[in-house]
Protein backbone atom coordinates (compact mmCIF):
# COMPACT_ATOMS: atom_id res chain seq x y z
CA MET A 1 0.00 0.00 0.00
CA ALA A 2 1.44 3.36 -1.05
CA ILE A 3 0.52 6.91 -0.11
CA ILE A 4 -0.35 9.12 -3.08
CA SER A 5 -1.70 12.64 -3.54
CA CYS A 6 -5.31 13.01 -4.60
CA PRO A 7 -5.36 14.35 -8.18
CA PHE A 8 -8.27 16.65 -7.31
CA CYS A 9 -7.38 18.20 -3.93
CA GLY A 10 -3.79 17.08 -3.27
CA GLN A 11 -4.51 15.41 0.09
CA ARG A 12 -2.34 12.39 0.94
CA ILE A 13 -4.37 9.16 0.66
CA SER A 14 -3.86 5.45 0.16
CA ASP A 15 -3.59 4.22 -3.41
CA LYS A 16 -6.11 1.49 -2.57
CA SER A 17 -8.92 3.78 -1.38
CA PRO A 18 -11.87 4.06 -3.81
CA GLN A 19 -12.51 7.73 -2.96
CA CYS A 20 -10.65 10.64 -1.44
CA SER A 21 -11.42 11.32 2.21
CA GLY A 22 -10.80 15.05 1.71
CA CYS A 23 -12.88 15.93 -1.34
CA ASN A 24 -14.99 12.72 -1.68
CA GLN A 25 -14.10 12.36 -5.37
CA ASP A 26 -14.38 8.87 -6.88
CA LEU A 27 -10.88 7.57 -7.65
CA SER A 28 -11.77 4.04 -8.73
CA ASN A 29 -12.47 4.79 -12.41
CA LEU A 30 -9.60 7.18 -13.19
CA SER A 31 -7.55 6.16 -16.20
CA ALA A 32 -3.93 7.13 -16.80
CA GLU A 33 -5.08 9.63 -19.44
CA LYS A 34 -7.50 11.26 -17.01
CA LEU A 35 -4.78 11.51 -14.33
CA GLU A 36 -2.40 13.08 -16.85
CA SER A 37 -5.09 15.54 -17.93
CA LEU A 38 -5.77 16.53 -14.31
CA ALA A 39 -2.05 17.05 -13.66
CA ARG A 40 -1.71 19.16 -16.81
CA ASP A 41 -4.69 21.31 -15.79
CA LYS A 42 -3.23 21.80 -12.32
CA ARG A 43 0.15 22.89 -13.76
CA LEU A 44 -1.57 25.29 -16.15
CA SER A 45 -3.61 26.82 -13.33
CA LYS A 46 -0.47 27.23 -11.19
CA SER A 47 1.39 28.80 -14.12
CA GLN A 48 -1.41 31.30 -14.77
CA SER A 49 -1.55 32.19 -11.09
CA LEU A 50 2.19 32.85 -11.03
CA MET A 51 1.94 35.00 -14.16
CA ASN A 52 -0.75 37.08 -12.43
CA HIS A 53 1.51 37.45 -9.39
CA GLY A 54 4.33 38.60 -11.68
CA MET A 55 2.11 41.24 -13.25
CA LEU A 56 0.90 42.55 -9.87
CA SER A 57 4.45 42.70 -8.53
CA MET A 58 5.62 44.60 -11.62
CA LEU A 59 2.74 47.08 -11.21
CA LEU A 60 3.68 47.56 -7.56
CA PHE A 61 7.32 48.17 -8.47
CA LEU A 62 6.52 50.57 -11.30
CA GLY A 63 3.90 52.38 -9.18
CA GLY A 64 6.39 53.02 -6.39
CA PHE A 65 9.22 53.90 -8.74
CA GLY A 66 7.05 56.17 -10.88
CA SER A 67 5.60 57.91 -7.83
CA ILE A 68 9.09 58.92 -6.72
CA TYR A 69 9.59 60.82 -9.97
CA TRP A 70 6.01 61.98 -10.42
CA PHE A 71 5.52 63.48 -6.95
CA SER A 72 9.23 64.26 -6.19
CA PRO A 73 8.93 63.87 -2.41
CA ALA A 74 11.48 65.57 -0.16
CA GLN A 75 14.59 63.62 0.80
CA GLY A 76 13.95 61.50 3.89
CA SER A 77 10.22 62.24 3.99
CA LEU A 78 7.69 59.58 4.87
CA GLN A 79 6.35 59.71 1.31
CA GLN A 80 9.76 58.96 -0.19
CA ILE A 81 10.32 56.07 2.21
CA ALA A 82 6.88 54.64 1.40
CA PHE A 83 7.45 54.88 -2.37
CA MET A 84 10.90 53.30 -2.11
CA GLY A 85 9.46 50.57 0.09
CA LEU A 86 6.77 49.84 -2.50
CA SER A 87 9.42 49.63 -5.20
CA ALA A 88 11.59 47.31 -3.12
CA VAL A 89 8.70 45.01 -2.21
CA GLY A 90 7.49 44.90 -5.82
CA PHE A 91 10.99 44.14 -7.13
CA CYS A 92 11.63 41.36 -4.59
CA TRP A 93 8.18 39.86 -5.19
CA TYR A 94 8.82 39.90 -8.95
CA ILE A 95 12.20 38.16 -8.63
CA ILE A 96 10.75 35.48 -6.34
CA THR A 97 7.81 34.95 -8.70
CA ARG A 98 10.12 34.57 -11.71
CA ILE A 99 12.18 31.98 -9.81
CA ARG A 100 9.00 30.08 -8.95
CA ILE A 101 7.94 30.13 -12.62
CA MET A 102 11.34 28.79 -13.67
CA LEU A 103 11.14 26.01 -11.08
CA LEU A 104 7.62 25.10 -12.21
CA LYS A 105 8.75 24.88 -15.84
CA LYS A 106 11.86 22.90 -14.89
CA GLY A 107 9.74 20.38 -12.97
CA ARG A 108 7.50 19.90 -16.02
CA LYS A 109 10.09 17.84 -17.91
């Protein structure tokens, strides 16, 4: 008896159980093609989610960076610190998201 992940919800279950105890999906009549299709759909959904995160992080970075030049806050003011913080958070979030996308694509092979 092996422990596998449910293809629908990801909960760890026995490979002999006829249905998942987490989502109550029937697992007895799943073919290899259906399992592959479910895995492909899950990867696609994860990829789209990461692309959305990348776009939001880029908007956050550009919003903070653009605000510094648009509003020209005084050196050391709270506004300047907030705009630079937004830029830094957006940039770091973008880099982390790009790394996660690369790891997802690398694991696809």
